[in-house]
Amino acid sequence: MEQSINAIEAYVGVLKQSKEYKDYMRALSAVKEVPGLKAQVDEYRKNNFLLQNSENTSFDSIENFELEYAELRENPLVEDFLTAELAFCRMMQYNNSLILEALHFE
């Protein structure tokens, strides 16, 4: 077990040195510097998740969602954060898929 913990700690160290992680942390810090902005971003992310995972998503509901959050999305700090978050998440998904593939996990 100790070997696994050491390997995970090393892996986390490598992740923290990645461009994706550094960009994400920089963008997160910038969003947090503006009072209330992180809460608005979190609400946007939550509602976006709910919309994407709803069984009754319609074109109108998507359009209304986009209109409701258009002003927020125009904020460069928000756009930078969401872009950096997506890049980091994609990197992690790719890494996880490589790990699962190497373990022959089905």
Protein backbone atom coordinates (compact mmCIF):
# COMPACT_ATOMS: atom_id res chain seq x y z
CA MET A 1 0.00 0.00 0.00
CA GLU A 2 2.85 2.40 0.82
CA GLN A 3 4.22 1.99 -2.73
CA SER A 4 0.84 3.03 -4.15
CA ILE A 5 0.69 6.09 -1.91
CA ASN A 6 4.20 7.12 -2.93
CA ALA A 7 3.37 6.65 -6.60
CA ILE A 8 0.16 8.68 -6.24
CA GLU A 9 2.02 11.49 -4.51
CA ALA A 10 4.57 11.53 -7.34
CA TYR A 11 1.78 11.50 -9.93
CA VAL A 12 0.04 14.42 -8.20
CA GLY A 13 3.34 16.29 -8.25
CA VAL A 14 3.59 15.77 -11.99
CA LEU A 15 -0.02 16.90 -12.48
CA LYS A 16 0.64 20.07 -10.51
CA GLN A 17 3.46 20.91 -12.90
CA SER A 18 1.26 20.54 -15.99
CA LYS A 19 0.22 23.57 -18.01
CA GLU A 20 -3.41 22.53 -17.67
CA TYR A 21 -3.30 22.50 -13.87
CA LYS A 22 -1.35 25.75 -13.63
CA ASP A 23 -3.77 27.47 -16.03
CA TYR A 24 -6.73 26.15 -14.05
CA MET A 25 -5.33 27.33 -10.71
CA ARG A 26 -4.44 30.75 -12.14
CA ALA A 27 -7.94 31.17 -13.60
CA LEU A 28 -9.59 29.93 -10.39
CA SER A 29 -7.60 32.43 -8.36
CA ALA A 30 -8.62 35.28 -10.69
CA VAL A 31 -12.31 34.35 -10.41
CA LYS A 32 -12.09 34.16 -6.61
CA GLU A 33 -10.61 37.68 -6.46
CA VAL A 34 -13.91 39.18 -7.64
CA PRO A 35 -16.50 39.13 -4.83
CA GLY A 36 -19.43 36.88 -5.70
CA LEU A 37 -18.07 35.77 -9.07
CA LYS A 38 -17.11 32.26 -7.95
CA ALA A 39 -20.64 31.72 -6.62
CA GLN A 40 -22.09 32.84 -9.98
CA VAL A 41 -19.75 30.49 -11.84
CA ASP A 42 -20.68 27.62 -9.52
CA GLU A 43 -24.38 28.28 -10.11
CA TYR A 44 -23.78 28.33 -13.88
CA ARG A 45 -21.83 25.06 -13.71
CA LYS A 46 -24.49 23.37 -11.56
CA ASN A 47 -27.34 24.47 -13.83
CA ASN A 48 -25.38 23.51 -16.93
CA PHE A 49 -24.82 20.03 -15.47
CA LEU A 50 -28.52 19.67 -14.63
CA LEU A 51 -29.51 20.81 -18.12
CA GLN A 52 -27.11 18.42 -19.84
CA ASN A 53 -28.28 15.50 -17.72
CA SER A 54 -31.99 16.21 -17.93
CA GLU A 55 -34.18 13.79 -19.82
CA ASN A 56 -36.44 16.65 -20.94
CA THR A 57 -33.90 19.04 -22.43
CA SER A 58 -35.38 21.00 -25.30
CA PHE A 59 -33.96 23.51 -27.72
CA ASP A 60 -35.93 26.20 -25.90
CA SER A 61 -34.47 25.27 -22.51
CA ILE A 62 -30.96 25.38 -23.96
CA GLU A 63 -31.64 28.74 -25.58
CA ASN A 64 -33.10 30.14 -22.35
CA PHE A 65 -30.09 28.87 -20.42
CA GLU A 66 -27.69 30.52 -22.85
CA LEU A 67 -29.60 33.80 -22.67
CA GLU A 68 -29.74 33.71 -18.87
CA TYR A 69 -25.97 33.31 -18.59
CA ALA A 70 -24.85 35.29 -21.66
CA GLU A 71 -23.61 38.24 -19.63
CA LEU A 72 -21.68 36.01 -17.24
CA ARG A 73 -20.06 34.14 -20.14
CA GLU A 74 -18.92 37.44 -21.66
CA ASN A 75 -16.72 38.05 -18.64
CA PRO A 76 -13.14 37.19 -19.71
CA LEU A 77 -12.30 35.84 -16.23
CA VAL A 78 -15.24 33.43 -16.42
CA GLU A 79 -14.42 32.34 -19.95
CA ASP A 80 -10.75 31.79 -19.00
CA PHE A 81 -11.79 29.76 -15.98
CA LEU A 82 -14.27 27.57 -17.87
CA THR A 83 -11.76 26.99 -20.69
CA ALA A 84 -8.99 26.09 -18.22
CA GLU A 85 -11.32 23.84 -16.23
CA LEU A 86 -12.36 21.99 -19.38
CA ALA A 87 -8.74 21.50 -20.48
CA PHE A 88 -7.78 20.16 -17.05
CA CYS A 89 -10.80 17.83 -16.93
CA ARG A 90 -10.02 16.49 -20.41
CA MET A 91 -6.42 15.84 -19.40
CA MET A 92 -7.59 13.97 -16.30
CA GLN A 93 -10.12 11.94 -18.31
CA TYR A 94 -7.41 10.99 -20.77
CA ASN A 95 -4.99 10.06 -17.99
CA ASN A 96 -7.64 7.98 -16.24
CA SER A 97 -8.51 6.17 -19.45
CA LEU A 98 -4.82 5.33 -19.97
CA ILE A 99 -4.59 3.94 -16.44
CA LEU A 100 -7.74 1.84 -16.82
CA GLU A 101 -6.56 0.57 -20.21
CA ALA A 102 -3.16 -0.39 -18.79
CA LEU A 103 -4.91 -2.30 -15.99
CA HIS A 104 -7.17 -4.06 -18.50
CA PHE A 105 -10.18 -2.87 -16.51
CA GLU A 106 -13.44 -3.70 -18.22
